[in-house]
Amino acid sequence: MSEPVPSITSAPEPLAVDQARRTRSYLIQMSIRVVCIIGAVLVDGWVRWALVAAAVVLPYSAVLIANSGRDHVTHDTSPVTPAAAPALTELSDVAPDAPRAAGAPTPDAPSAGRVIDHVDD
C-alpha cells in the first residue's frame, strides 16, 4: 500500500513569514511600552501609575506572544466534485416534410441533426 501524497494546501506557512509576523508583533508592543514610559514621565496622578504598570507588564506579554510558536492553520482539503454536464439537445437539419437528396441521412440516423444549447465551461 502506498503512502498518501501530501497536498500543497496542507503545507504550513513558510518559516520566514512566521518569523516576520512575530518580530513585527514584538516591535509594536515594545513601541507601545516606550510610549507608556514617556507618558509616565509627562503626566501626573493615577494615569502615571497606569502607564508604569503597562510598561512593566508589556515586556512579559510581548515575549510570550513572540515565542508562542507557529500558528497551526488547517485548510479544507476535501476533493471538489465537478457538476454534471448539461444534456445536449439535437435538432433535425431539415424539415420533416422536405424532400431529401440522395444519400442524405435520415432523421433517425446517428449523425442526423445538430447540437444546440452547448455551453463551454
PDB file of N, CA and C in Angstrom:
ATOM      1  N   MET A   1       0.849  -1.175   0.000  1.00  0.00           N
ATOM      2  CA  MET A   1       0.000   0.000   0.000  1.00  0.00           C
ATOM      3  C   MET A   1       0.894   1.237   0.000  1.00  0.00           C
ATOM      4  N   SER A   2       0.588   2.208  -0.839  1.00  0.00           N
ATOM      5  CA  SER A   2       1.425   3.401  -0.937  1.00  0.00           C
ATOM      6  C   SER A   2       0.969   4.474   0.059  1.00  0.00           C
ATOM      7  N   GLU A   3       1.903   5.330   0.415  1.00  0.00           N
ATOM      8  CA  GLU A   3       1.590   6.422   1.337  1.00  0.00           C
ATOM      9  C   GLU A   3       0.801   7.503   0.613  1.00  0.00           C
ATOM     10  N   PRO A   4      -0.101   8.213   1.326  1.00  0.00           N
ATOM     11  CA  PRO A   4      -0.837   9.289   0.668  1.00  0.00           C
ATOM     12  C   PRO A   4       0.095  10.453   0.328  1.00  0.00           C
ATOM     13  N   VAL A   5      -0.155  11.075  -0.786  1.00  0.00           N
ATOM     14  CA  VAL A   5       0.663  12.194  -1.236  1.00  0.00           C
ATOM     15  C   VAL A   5       0.202  13.449  -0.499  1.00  0.00           C
ATOM     16  N   PRO A   6       1.123  14.205   0.130  1.00  0.00           N
ATOM     17  CA  PRO A   6       0.699  15.410   0.840  1.00  0.00           C
ATOM     18  C   PRO A   6       0.205  16.473  -0.142  1.00  0.00           C
ATOM     19  N   SER A   7      -0.798  17.189   0.276  1.00  0.00           N
ATOM     20  CA  SER A   7      -1.367  18.251  -0.556  1.00  0.00           C
ATOM     21  C   SER A   7      -0.637  19.553  -0.272  1.00  0.00           C
ATOM     22  N   ILE A   8      -0.447  20.374  -1.288  1.00  0.00           N
ATOM     23  CA  ILE A   8       0.229  21.664  -1.108  1.00  0.00           C
ATOM     24  C   ILE A   8      -0.614  22.593  -0.240  1.00  0.00           C
ATOM     25  N   THR A   9      -1.923  22.393  -0.215  1.00  0.00           N
ATOM     26  CA  THR A   9      -2.766  23.249   0.621  1.00  0.00           C
ATOM     27  C   THR A   9      -2.598  22.932   2.095  1.00  0.00           C
ATOM     28  N   SER A  10      -2.022  21.792   2.436  1.00  0.00           N
ATOM     29  CA  SER A  10      -1.804  21.461   3.839  1.00  0.00           C
ATOM     30  C   SER A  10      -0.402  21.861   4.299  1.00  0.00           C
ATOM     31  N   ALA A  11       0.373  22.497   3.432  1.00  0.00           N
ATOM     32  CA  ALA A  11       1.716  22.928   3.804  1.00  0.00           C
ATOM     33  C   ALA A  11       1.621  24.091   4.793  1.00  0.00           C
ATOM     34  N   PRO A  12       2.497  24.114   5.803  1.00  0.00           N
ATOM     35  CA  PRO A  12       2.448  25.208   6.772  1.00  0.00           C
ATOM     36  C   PRO A  12       2.976  26.504   6.175  1.00  0.00           C
ATOM     37  N   GLU A  13       2.724  27.584   6.893  1.00  0.00           N
ATOM     38  CA  GLU A  13       3.221  28.900   6.493  1.00  0.00           C
ATOM     39  C   GLU A  13       4.755  28.858   6.479  1.00  0.00           C
ATOM     40  N   PRO A  14       5.408  29.505   5.519  1.00  0.00           N
ATOM     41  CA  PRO A  14       6.875  29.496   5.492  1.00  0.00           C
ATOM     42  C   PRO A  14       7.460  30.083   6.782  1.00  0.00           C
ATOM     43  N   LEU A  15       8.591  29.559   7.200  1.00  0.00           N
ATOM     44  CA  LEU A  15       9.221  29.986   8.441  1.00  0.00           C
ATOM     45  C   LEU A  15       9.565  31.477   8.416  1.00  0.00           C
ATOM     46  N   ALA A  16      10.042  31.987   7.297  1.00  0.00           N
ATOM     47  CA  ALA A  16      10.408  33.406   7.202  1.00  0.00           C
ATOM     48  C   ALA A  16       9.190  34.308   7.420  1.00  0.00           C
ATOM     49  N   VAL A  17       8.039  33.903   6.887  1.00  0.00           N
ATOM     50  CA  VAL A  17       6.811  34.688   7.064  1.00  0.00           C
ATOM     51  C   VAL A  17       6.388  34.656   8.527  1.00  0.00           C
ATOM     52  N   ASP A  18       6.489  33.505   9.162  1.00  0.00           N
ATOM     53  CA  ASP A  18       6.128  33.377  10.568  1.00  0.00           C
ATOM     54  C   ASP A  18       7.040  34.225  11.452  1.00  0.00           C
ATOM     55  N   GLN A  19       8.339  34.192  11.192  1.00  0.00           N
ATOM     56  CA  GLN A  19       9.278  34.983  11.983  1.00  0.00           C
ATOM     57  C   GLN A  19       9.038  36.477  11.793  1.00  0.00           C
ATOM     58  N   ALA A  20       8.751  36.894  10.572  1.00  0.00           N
ATOM     59  CA  ALA A  20       8.479  38.308  10.315  1.00  0.00           C
ATOM     60  C   ALA A  20       7.224  38.764  11.059  1.00  0.00           C
ATOM     61  N   ARG A  21       6.197  37.918  11.088  1.00  0.00           N
ATOM     62  CA  ARG A  21       4.962  38.268  11.795  1.00  0.00           C
ATOM     63  C   ARG A  21       5.217  38.401  13.291  1.00  0.00           C
ATOM     64  N   ARG A  22       5.967  37.467  13.865  1.00  0.00           N
ATOM     65  CA  ARG A  22       6.243  37.516  15.308  1.00  0.00           C
ATOM     66  C   ARG A  22       7.160  38.686  15.664  1.00  0.00           C
ATOM     67  N   THR A  23       8.139  38.997  14.823  1.00  0.00           N
ATOM     68  CA  THR A  23       9.023  40.143  15.058  1.00  0.00           C
ATOM     69  C   THR A  23       8.238  41.446  15.017  1.00  0.00           C
ATOM     70  N   ARG A  24       7.338  41.565  14.027  1.00  0.00           N
ATOM     71  CA  ARG A  24       6.516  42.769  13.904  1.00  0.00           C
ATOM     72  C   ARG A  24       5.640  42.955  15.150  1.00  0.00           C
ATOM     73  N   SER A  25       5.049  41.871  15.632  1.00  0.00           N
ATOM     74  CA  SER A  25       4.212  41.935  16.828  1.00  0.00           C
ATOM     75  C   SER A  25       5.026  42.380  18.037  1.00  0.00           C
ATOM     76  N   TYR A  26       6.219  41.840  18.198  1.00  0.00           N
ATOM     77  CA  TYR A  26       7.080  42.209  19.327  1.00  0.00           C
ATOM     78  C   TYR A  26       7.473  43.681  19.250  1.00  0.00           C
ATOM     79  N   LEU A  27       7.866  44.142  18.075  1.00  0.00           N
ATOM     80  CA  LEU A  27       8.286  45.543  17.940  1.00  0.00           C
ATOM     81  C   LEU A  27       7.127  46.513  18.198  1.00  0.00           C
ATOM     82  N   ILE A  28       5.927  46.154  17.780  1.00  0.00           N
ATOM     83  CA  ILE A  28       4.762  47.015  18.050  1.00  0.00           C
ATOM     84  C   ILE A  28       4.524  47.110  19.553  1.00  0.00           C
ATOM     85  N   GLN A  29       4.599  45.997  20.264  1.00  0.00           N
ATOM     86  CA  GLN A  29       4.365  46.029  21.708  1.00  0.00           C
ATOM     87  C   GLN A  29       5.474  46.781  22.446  1.00  0.00           C
ATOM     88  N   MET A  30       6.696  46.661  21.996  1.00  0.00           N
ATOM     89  CA  MET A  30       7.775  47.401  22.638  1.00  0.00           C
ATOM     90  C   MET A  30       7.673  48.899  22.334  1.00  0.00           C
ATOM     91  N   SER A  31       7.159  49.260  21.171  1.00  0.00           N
ATOM     92  CA  SER A  31       6.925  50.673  20.858  1.00  0.00           C
ATOM     93  C   SER A  31       5.851  51.247  21.775  1.00  0.00           C
ATOM     94  N   ILE A  32       4.829  50.476  22.035  1.00  0.00           N
ATOM     95  CA  ILE A  32       3.785  50.915  22.972  1.00  0.00           C
ATOM     96  C   ILE A  32       4.387  51.088  24.365  1.00  0.00           C
ATOM     97  N   ARG A  33       5.308  50.214  24.748  1.00  0.00           N
ATOM     98  CA  ARG A  33       5.962  50.334  26.054  1.00  0.00           C
ATOM     99  C   ARG A  33       6.765  51.631  26.146  1.00  0.00           C
ATOM    100  N   VAL A  34       7.488  51.991  25.083  1.00  0.00           N
ATOM    101  CA  VAL A  34       8.254  53.240  25.081  1.00  0.00           C
ATOM    102  C   VAL A  34       7.313  54.435  25.247  1.00  0.00           C
ATOM    103  N   VAL A  35       6.175  54.395  24.565  1.00  0.00           N
ATOM    104  CA  VAL A  35       5.188  55.473  24.695  1.00  0.00           C
ATOM    105  C   VAL A  35       4.675  55.539  26.136  1.00  0.00           C
ATOM    106  N   CYS A  36       4.445  54.382  26.771  1.00  0.00           N
ATOM    107  CA  CYS A  36       3.991  54.353  28.165  1.00  0.00           C
ATOM    108  C   CYS A  36       5.035  54.961  29.105  1.00  0.00           C
ATOM    109  N   ILE A  37       6.303  54.661  28.885  1.00  0.00           N
ATOM    110  CA  ILE A  37       7.369  55.203  29.739  1.00  0.00           C
ATOM    111  C   ILE A  37       7.457  56.715  29.579  1.00  0.00           C
ATOM    112  N   ILE A  38       7.422  57.186  28.340  1.00  0.00           N
ATOM    113  CA  ILE A  38       7.474  58.637  28.102  1.00  0.00           C
ATOM    114  C   ILE A  38       6.241  59.310  28.697  1.00  0.00           C
ATOM    115  N   GLY A  39       5.074  58.681  28.524  1.00  0.00           N
ATOM    116  CA  GLY A  39       3.845  59.248  29.096  1.00  0.00           C
ATOM    117  C   GLY A  39       3.879  59.277  30.608  1.00  0.00           C
ATOM    118  N   ALA A  40       4.477  58.275  31.243  1.00  0.00           N
ATOM    119  CA  ALA A  40       4.565  58.242  32.704  1.00  0.00           C
ATOM    120  C   ALA A  40       5.431  59.383  33.231  1.00  0.00           C
ATOM    121  N   VAL A  41       6.410  59.812  32.474  1.00  0.00           N
ATOM    122  CA  VAL A  41       7.259  60.931  32.887  1.00  0.00           C
ATOM    123  C   VAL A  41       6.509  62.252  32.740  1.00  0.00           C
ATOM    124  N   LEU A  42       5.643  62.361  31.734  1.00  0.00           N
ATOM    125  CA  LEU A  42       4.995  63.627  31.416  1.00  0.00           C
ATOM    126  C   LEU A  42       3.700  63.897  32.187  1.00  0.00           C
ATOM    127  N   VAL A  43       3.008  62.865  32.664  1.00  0.00           N
ATOM    128  CA  VAL A  43       1.709  63.089  33.311  1.00  0.00           C
ATOM    129  C   VAL A  43       1.796  62.850  34.810  1.00  0.00           C
ATOM    130  N   ASP A  44       0.730  63.242  35.514  1.00  0.00           N
ATOM    131  CA  ASP A  44       0.664  63.090  36.963  1.00  0.00           C
ATOM    132  C   ASP A  44      -0.584  62.324  37.361  1.00  0.00           C
ATOM    133  N   GLY A  45      -0.643  61.883  38.568  1.00  0.00           N
ATOM    134  CA  GLY A  45      -1.842  61.251  39.110  1.00  0.00           C
ATOM    135  C   GLY A  45      -1.912  59.768  38.804  1.00  0.00           C
ATOM    136  N   TRP A  46      -3.158  59.254  38.753  1.00  0.00           N
ATOM    137  CA  TRP A  46      -3.379  57.820  38.565  1.00  0.00           C
ATOM    138  C   TRP A  46      -2.979  57.353  37.163  1.00  0.00           C
ATOM    139  N   VAL A  47      -2.996  58.279  36.187  1.00  0.00           N
ATOM    140  CA  VAL A  47      -2.617  57.917  34.815  1.00  0.00           C
ATOM    141  C   VAL A  47      -1.144  57.504  34.779  1.00  0.00           C
ATOM    142  N   ARG A  48      -0.308  58.205  35.580  1.00  0.00           N
ATOM    143  CA  ARG A  48       1.110  57.862  35.627  1.00  0.00           C
ATOM    144  C   ARG A  48       1.289  56.409  36.065  1.00  0.00           C
ATOM    145  N   TRP A  49       0.581  56.005  37.120  1.00  0.00           N
ATOM    146  CA  TRP A  49       0.737  54.659  37.650  1.00  0.00           C
ATOM    147  C   TRP A  49       0.172  53.598  36.695  1.00  0.00           C
ATOM    148  N   ALA A  50      -0.869  53.960  35.969  1.00  0.00           N
ATOM    149  CA  ALA A  50      -1.393  53.031  34.961  1.00  0.00           C
ATOM    150  C   ALA A  50      -0.385  52.832  33.828  1.00  0.00           C
ATOM    151  N   LEU A  51       0.278  53.913  33.415  1.00  0.00           N
ATOM    152  CA  LEU A  51       1.295  53.810  32.365  1.00  0.00           C
ATOM    153  C   LEU A  51       2.516  53.037  32.851  1.00  0.00           C
ATOM    154  N   VAL A  52       2.912  53.216  34.110  1.00  0.00           N
ATOM    155  CA  VAL A  52       4.038  52.465  34.673  1.00  0.00           C
ATOM    156  C   VAL A  52       3.694  50.979  34.724  1.00  0.00           C
ATOM    157  N   ALA A  53       2.480  50.660  35.150  1.00  0.00           N
ATOM    158  CA  ALA A  53       2.057  49.254  35.204  1.00  0.00           C
ATOM    159  C   ALA A  53       2.064  48.633  33.804  1.00  0.00           C
ATOM    160  N   ALA A  54       1.579  49.388  32.821  1.00  0.00           N
ATOM    161  CA  ALA A  54       1.587  48.875  31.443  1.00  0.00           C
ATOM    162  C   ALA A  54       3.016  48.672  30.952  1.00  0.00           C
ATOM    163  N   ALA A  55       3.929  49.587  31.290  1.00  0.00           N
ATOM    164  CA  ALA A  55       5.330  49.469  30.870  1.00  0.00           C
ATOM    165  C   ALA A  55       6.011  48.275  31.538  1.00  0.00           C
ATOM    166  N   VAL A  56       5.545  47.878  32.725  1.00  0.00           N
ATOM    167  CA  VAL A  56       6.128  46.726  33.407  1.00  0.00           C
ATOM    168  C   VAL A  56       5.575  45.421  32.838  1.00  0.00           C
ATOM    169  N   VAL A  57       4.295  45.377  32.501  1.00  0.00           N
ATOM    170  CA  VAL A  57       3.641  44.145  32.042  1.00  0.00           C
ATOM    171  C   VAL A  57       3.903  43.866  30.558  1.00  0.00           C
ATOM    172  N   LEU A  58       4.039  44.901  29.744  1.00  0.00           N
ATOM    173  CA  LEU A  58       4.188  44.716  28.286  1.00  0.00           C
ATOM    174  C   LEU A  58       5.373  43.839  27.872  1.00  0.00           C
ATOM    175  N   PRO A  59       6.557  43.942  28.463  1.00  0.00           N
ATOM    176  CA  PRO A  59       7.646  43.059  28.009  1.00  0.00           C
ATOM    177  C   PRO A  59       7.332  41.579  28.209  1.00  0.00           C
ATOM    178  N   TYR A  60       6.710  41.260  29.319  1.00  0.00           N
ATOM    179  CA  TYR A  60       6.356  39.860  29.596  1.00  0.00           C
ATOM    180  C   TYR A  60       5.374  39.335  28.550  1.00  0.00           C
ATOM    181  N   SER A  61       4.318  40.102  28.290  1.00  0.00           N
ATOM    182  CA  SER A  61       3.321  39.645  27.311  1.00  0.00           C
ATOM    183  C   SER A  61       3.908  39.618  25.895  1.00  0.00           C
ATOM    184  N   ALA A  62       4.798  40.572  25.581  1.00  0.00           N
ATOM    185  CA  ALA A  62       5.406  40.601  24.246  1.00  0.00           C
ATOM    186  C   ALA A  62       6.271  39.371  24.003  1.00  0.00           C
ATOM    187  N   VAL A  63       7.034  38.959  25.013  1.00  0.00           N
ATOM    188  CA  VAL A  63       7.884  37.774  24.870  1.00  0.00           C
ATOM    189  C   VAL A  63       7.030  36.517  24.764  1.00  0.00           C
ATOM    190  N   LEU A  64       5.972  36.434  25.574  1.00  0.00           N
ATOM    191  CA  LEU A  64       5.092  35.265  25.483  1.00  0.00           C
ATOM    192  C   LEU A  64       4.466  35.143  24.103  1.00  0.00           C
ATOM    193  N   ILE A  65       3.995  36.242  23.564  1.00  0.00           N
ATOM    194  CA  ILE A  65       3.349  36.212  22.241  1.00  0.00           C
ATOM    195  C   ILE A  65       4.378  35.914  21.147  1.00  0.00           C
ATOM    196  N   ALA A  66       5.578  36.522  21.250  1.00  0.00           N
ATOM    197  CA  ALA A  66       6.605  36.306  20.222  1.00  0.00           C
ATOM    198  C   ALA A  66       7.115  34.869  20.226  1.00  0.00           C
ATOM    199  N   ASN A  67       7.138  34.225  21.398  1.00  0.00           N
ATOM    200  CA  ASN A  67       7.647  32.858  21.487  1.00  0.00           C
ATOM    201  C   ASN A  67       6.542  31.806  21.455  1.00  0.00           C
ATOM    202  N   SER A  68       5.352  32.215  21.139  1.00  0.00           N
ATOM    203  CA  SER A  68       4.225  31.275  21.166  1.00  0.00           C
ATOM    204  C   SER A  68       4.330  30.205  20.087  1.00  0.00           C
ATOM    205  N   GLY A  69       5.172  30.408  19.103  1.00  0.00           N
ATOM    206  CA  GLY A  69       5.348  29.392  18.056  1.00  0.00           C
ATOM    207  C   GLY A  69       4.497  29.675  16.837  1.00  0.00           C
ATOM    208  N   ARG A  70       4.610  28.759  15.921  1.00  0.00           N
ATOM    209  CA  ARG A  70       3.906  28.926  14.649  1.00  0.00           C
ATOM    210  C   ARG A  70       2.429  28.628  14.817  1.00  0.00           C
ATOM    211  N   ASP A  71       1.628  29.377  14.071  1.00  0.00           N
ATOM    212  CA  ASP A  71       0.191  29.122  14.059  1.00  0.00           C
ATOM    213  C   ASP A  71      -0.078  27.856  13.263  1.00  0.00           C
ATOM    214  N   HIS A  72      -0.968  27.041  13.758  1.00  0.00           N
ATOM    215  CA  HIS A  72      -1.343  25.823  13.061  1.00  0.00           C
ATOM    216  C   HIS A  72      -2.700  26.040  12.427  1.00  0.00           C
ATOM    217  N   VAL A  73      -2.684  26.404  11.154  1.00  0.00           N
ATOM    218  CA  VAL A  73      -3.900  26.684  10.419  1.00  0.00           C
ATOM    219  C   VAL A  73      -4.281  25.433   9.642  1.00  0.00           C
ATOM    220  N   THR A  74      -5.536  25.057   9.721  1.00  0.00           N
ATOM    221  CA  THR A  74      -5.989  23.913   8.941  1.00  0.00           C
ATOM    222  C   THR A  74      -6.851  24.413   7.793  1.00  0.00           C
ATOM    223  N   HIS A  75      -6.717  23.767   6.664  1.00  0.00           N
ATOM    224  CA  HIS A  75      -7.476  24.129   5.469  1.00  0.00           C
ATOM    225  C   HIS A  75      -8.367  22.957   5.074  1.00  0.00           C
ATOM    226  N   ASP A  76      -9.451  23.287   4.426  1.00  0.00           N
ATOM    227  CA  ASP A  76     -10.337  22.253   3.916  1.00  0.00           C
ATOM    228  C   ASP A  76      -9.692  21.647   2.672  1.00  0.00           C
ATOM    229  N   THR A  77      -9.332  20.380   2.751  1.00  0.00           N
ATOM    230  CA  THR A  77      -8.671  19.725   1.626  1.00  0.00           C
ATOM    231  C   THR A  77      -9.550  18.651   1.010  1.00  0.00           C
ATOM    232  N   SER A  78     -10.849  18.771   1.213  1.00  0.00           N
ATOM    233  CA  SER A  78     -11.735  17.773   0.624  1.00  0.00           C
ATOM    234  C   SER A  78     -11.761  17.949  -0.892  1.00  0.00           C
ATOM    235  N   PRO A  79     -11.885  16.856  -1.634  1.00  0.00           N
ATOM    236  CA  PRO A  79     -11.867  16.960  -3.091  1.00  0.00           C
ATOM    237  C   PRO A  79     -13.114  17.664  -3.617  1.00  0.00           C
ATOM    238  N   VAL A  80     -12.941  18.331  -4.732  1.00  0.00           N
ATOM    239  CA  VAL A  80     -14.049  19.024  -5.374  1.00  0.00           C
ATOM    240  C   VAL A  80     -14.606  18.114  -6.457  1.00  0.00           C
ATOM    241  N   THR A  81     -15.889  17.837  -6.388  1.00  0.00           N
ATOM    242  CA  THR A  81     -16.503  17.018  -7.425  1.00  0.00           C
ATOM    243  C   THR A  81     -17.190  17.941  -8.422  1.00  0.00           C
ATOM    244  N   PRO A  82     -16.877  17.787  -9.693  1.00  0.00           N
ATOM    245  CA  PRO A  82     -17.472  18.687 -10.699  1.00  0.00           C
ATOM    246  C   PRO A  82     -18.958  18.402 -10.879  1.00  0.00           C
ATOM    247  N   ALA A  83     -19.680  19.425 -11.269  1.00  0.00           N
ATOM    248  CA  ALA A  83     -21.110  19.277 -11.533  1.00  0.00           C
ATOM    249  C   ALA A  83     -21.298  18.496 -12.833  1.00  0.00           C
ATOM    250  N   ALA A  84     -22.420  17.806 -12.930  1.00  0.00           N
ATOM    251  CA  ALA A  84     -22.703  17.034 -14.132  1.00  0.00           C
ATOM    252  C   ALA A  84     -22.916  17.977 -15.313  1.00  0.00           C
ATOM    253  N   ALA A  85     -22.443  17.557 -16.478  1.00  0.00           N
ATOM    254  CA  ALA A  85     -22.612  18.370 -17.682  1.00  0.00           C
ATOM    255  C   ALA A  85     -24.071  18.360 -18.111  1.00  0.00           C
ATOM    256  N   PRO A  86     -24.574  19.491 -18.627  1.00  0.00           N
ATOM    257  CA  PRO A  86     -25.965  19.513 -19.062  1.00  0.00           C
ATOM    258  C   PRO A  86     -26.176  18.610 -20.288  1.00  0.00           C
ATOM    259  N   ALA A  87     -27.376  18.083 -20.407  1.00  0.00           N
ATOM    260  CA  ALA A  87     -27.701  17.213 -21.546  1.00  0.00           C
ATOM    261  C   ALA A  87     -27.754  18.046 -22.819  1.00  0.00           C
ATOM    262  N   LEU A  88     -27.323  17.442 -23.924  1.00  0.00           N
ATOM    263  CA  LEU A  88     -27.337  18.120 -25.215  1.00  0.00           C
ATOM    264  C   LEU A  88     -28.650  17.829 -25.941  1.00  0.00           C
ATOM    265  N   THR A  89     -29.151  18.811 -26.650  1.00  0.00           N
ATOM    266  CA  THR A  89     -30.390  18.670 -27.398  1.00  0.00           C
ATOM    267  C   THR A  89     -30.058  18.615 -28.881  1.00  0.00           C
ATOM    268  N   GLU A  90     -30.723  17.719 -29.607  1.00  0.00           N
ATOM    269  CA  GLU A  90     -30.469  17.609 -31.040  1.00  0.00           C
ATOM    270  C   GLU A  90     -31.682  18.100 -31.815  1.00  0.00           C
ATOM    271  N   LEU A  91     -31.424  18.753 -32.934  1.00  0.00           N
ATOM    272  CA  LEU A  91     -32.469  19.182 -33.847  1.00  0.00           C
ATOM    273  C   LEU A  91     -32.176  18.615 -35.228  1.00  0.00           C
ATOM    274  N   SER A  92     -33.207  18.385 -35.971  1.00  0.00           N
ATOM    275  CA  SER A  92     -33.055  17.881 -37.328  1.00  0.00           C
ATOM    276  C   SER A  92     -32.569  19.008 -38.223  1.00  0.00           C
ATOM    277  N   ASP A  93     -31.693  18.670 -39.208  1.00  0.00           N
ATOM    278  CA  ASP A  93     -31.191  19.681 -40.144  1.00  0.00           C
ATOM    279  C   ASP A  93     -32.255  20.106 -41.142  1.00  0.00           C
ATOM    280  N   VAL A  94     -33.174  19.244 -41.447  1.00  0.00           N
ATOM    281  CA  VAL A  94     -34.178  19.549 -42.468  1.00  0.00           C
ATOM    282  C   VAL A  94     -35.571  19.434 -41.871  1.00  0.00           C
ATOM    283  N   ALA A  95     -36.508  20.075 -42.504  1.00  0.00           N
ATOM    284  CA  ALA A  95     -37.895  19.984 -42.060  1.00  0.00           C
ATOM    285  C   ALA A  95     -38.401  18.572 -42.313  1.00  0.00           C
ATOM    286  N   PRO A  96     -39.312  18.063 -41.480  1.00  0.00           N
ATOM    287  CA  PRO A  96     -39.758  16.675 -41.626  1.00  0.00           C
ATOM    288  C   PRO A  96     -40.422  16.378 -42.973  1.00  0.00           C
ATOM    289  N   ASP A  97     -41.097  17.336 -43.609  1.00  0.00           N
ATOM    290  CA  ASP A  97     -41.786  17.036 -44.863  1.00  0.00           C
ATOM    291  C   ASP A  97     -41.023  17.516 -46.095  1.00  0.00           C
ATOM    292  N   ALA A  98     -39.777  17.998 -45.947  1.00  0.00           N
ATOM    293  CA  ALA A  98     -38.994  18.462 -47.094  1.00  0.00           C
ATOM    294  C   ALA A  98     -38.382  17.262 -47.817  1.00  0.00           C
ATOM    295  N   PRO A  99     -38.216  17.366 -49.148  1.00  0.00           N
ATOM    296  CA  PRO A  99     -37.605  16.259 -49.898  1.00  0.00           C
ATOM    297  C   PRO A  99     -36.120  16.138 -49.557  1.00  0.00           C
ATOM    298  N   ARG A 100     -35.620  14.900 -49.520  1.00  0.00           N
ATOM    299  CA  ARG A 100     -34.222  14.641 -49.181  1.00  0.00           C
ATOM    300  C   ARG A 100     -33.435  14.347 -50.454  1.00  0.00           C
ATOM    301  N   ALA A 101     -32.188  14.756 -50.422  1.00  0.00           N
ATOM    302  CA  ALA A 101     -31.300  14.462 -51.542  1.00  0.00           C
ATOM    303  C   ALA A 101     -30.821  13.018 -51.397  1.00  0.00           C
ATOM    304  N   ALA A 102     -30.364  12.467 -52.490  1.00  0.00           N
ATOM    305  CA  ALA A 102     -29.893  11.084 -52.463  1.00  0.00           C
ATOM    306  C   ALA A 102     -28.662  10.994 -51.578  1.00  0.00           C
ATOM    307  N   GLY A 103     -28.647  10.035 -50.649  1.00  0.00           N
ATOM    308  CA  GLY A 103     -27.503   9.835 -49.751  1.00  0.00           C
ATOM    309  C   GLY A 103     -27.559  10.691 -48.493  1.00  0.00           C
ATOM    310  N   ALA A 104     -28.598  11.550 -48.340  1.00  0.00           N
ATOM    311  CA  ALA A 104     -28.703  12.382 -47.129  1.00  0.00           C
ATOM    312  C   ALA A 104     -29.158  11.512 -45.963  1.00  0.00           C
ATOM    313  N   PRO A 105     -28.657  11.778 -44.771  1.00  0.00           N
ATOM    314  CA  PRO A 105     -29.042  10.942 -43.631  1.00  0.00           C
ATOM    315  C   PRO A 105     -30.503  11.143 -43.249  1.00  0.00           C
ATOM    316  N   THR A 106     -31.099  10.094 -42.747  1.00  0.00           N
ATOM    317  CA  THR A 106     -32.489  10.190 -42.281  1.00  0.00           C
ATOM    318  C   THR A 106     -32.476  10.794 -40.874  1.00  0.00           C
ATOM    319  N   PRO A 107     -33.619  11.355 -40.425  1.00  0.00           N
ATOM    320  CA  PRO A 107     -33.630  11.980 -39.101  1.00  0.00           C
ATOM    321  C   PRO A 107     -33.311  11.003 -37.971  1.00  0.00           C
ATOM    322  N   ASP A 108     -33.505   9.692 -38.189  1.00  0.00           N
ATOM    323  CA  ASP A 108     -33.219   8.722 -37.136  1.00  0.00           C
ATOM    324  C   ASP A 108     -31.766   8.257 -37.138  1.00  0.00           C
ATOM    325  N   ALA A 109     -30.987   8.649 -38.125  1.00  0.00           N
ATOM    326  CA  ALA A 109     -29.588   8.219 -38.219  1.00  0.00           C
ATOM    327  C   ALA A 109     -28.770   8.879 -37.106  1.00  0.00           C
ATOM    328  N   PRO A 110     -27.715   8.208 -36.622  1.00  0.00           N
ATOM    329  CA  PRO A 110     -26.908   8.760 -35.525  1.00  0.00           C
ATOM    330  C   PRO A 110     -26.253  10.103 -35.858  1.00  0.00           C
ATOM    331  N   SER A 111     -25.931  10.337 -37.126  1.00  0.00           N
ATOM    332  CA  SER A 111     -25.249  11.586 -37.467  1.00  0.00           C
ATOM    333  C   SER A 111     -26.230  12.683 -37.854  1.00  0.00           C
ATOM    334  N   ALA A 112     -27.527  12.408 -37.805  1.00  0.00           N
ATOM    335  CA  ALA A 112     -28.514  13.413 -38.196  1.00  0.00           C
ATOM    336  C   ALA A 112     -28.685  14.436 -37.094  1.00  0.00           C
ATOM    337  N   GLY A 113     -29.007  15.645 -37.477  1.00  0.00           N
ATOM    338  CA  GLY A 113     -29.298  16.698 -36.509  1.00  0.00           C
ATOM    339  C   GLY A 113     -28.064  17.509 -36.176  1.00  0.00           C
ATOM    340  N   ARG A 114     -28.275  18.535 -35.428  1.00  0.00           N
ATOM    341  CA  ARG A 114     -27.173  19.377 -34.991  1.00  0.00           C
ATOM    342  C   ARG A 114     -27.329  19.631 -33.498  1.00  0.00           C
ATOM    343  N   VAL A 115     -26.241  19.912 -32.856  1.00  0.00           N
ATOM    344  CA  VAL A 115     -26.248  20.114 -31.411  1.00  0.00           C
ATOM    345  C   VAL A 115     -26.519  21.585 -31.119  1.00  0.00           C
ATOM    346  N   ILE A 116     -27.456  21.837 -30.209  1.00  0.00           N
ATOM    347  CA  ILE A 116     -27.724  23.207 -29.772  1.00  0.00           C
ATOM    348  C   ILE A 116     -27.650  23.229 -28.243  1.00  0.00           C
ATOM    349  N   ASP A 117     -27.761  24.389 -27.679  1.00  0.00           N
ATOM    350  CA  ASP A 117     -27.696  24.597 -26.240  1.00  0.00           C
ATOM    351  C   ASP A 117     -26.400  24.078 -25.652  1.00  0.00           C
ATOM    352  N   HIS A 118     -25.292  24.277 -26.373  1.00  0.00           N
ATOM    353  CA  HIS A 118     -23.978  23.830 -25.900  1.00  0.00           C
ATOM    354  C   HIS A 118     -23.354  24.948 -25.077  1.00  0.00           C
ATOM    355  N   VAL A 119     -22.862  24.597 -23.888  1.00  0.00           N
ATOM    356  CA  VAL A 119     -22.223  25.579 -23.010  1.00  0.00           C
ATOM    357  C   VAL A 119     -20.788  25.134 -22.746  1.00  0.00           C
ATOM    358  N   ASP A 120     -19.826  25.964 -23.112  1.00  0.00           N
ATOM    359  CA  ASP A 120     -18.423  25.670 -22.804  1.00  0.00           C
ATOM    360  C   ASP A 120     -18.132  26.076 -21.390  1.00  0.00           C
ATOM    361  N   ASP A 121     -17.371  25.262 -20.680  1.00  0.00           N
ATOM    362  CA  ASP A 121     -17.009  25.587 -19.286  1.00  0.00           C
ATOM    363  C   ASP A 121     -15.789  26.439 -19.234  1.00  0.00           C
TER     364      ASP A 121
END
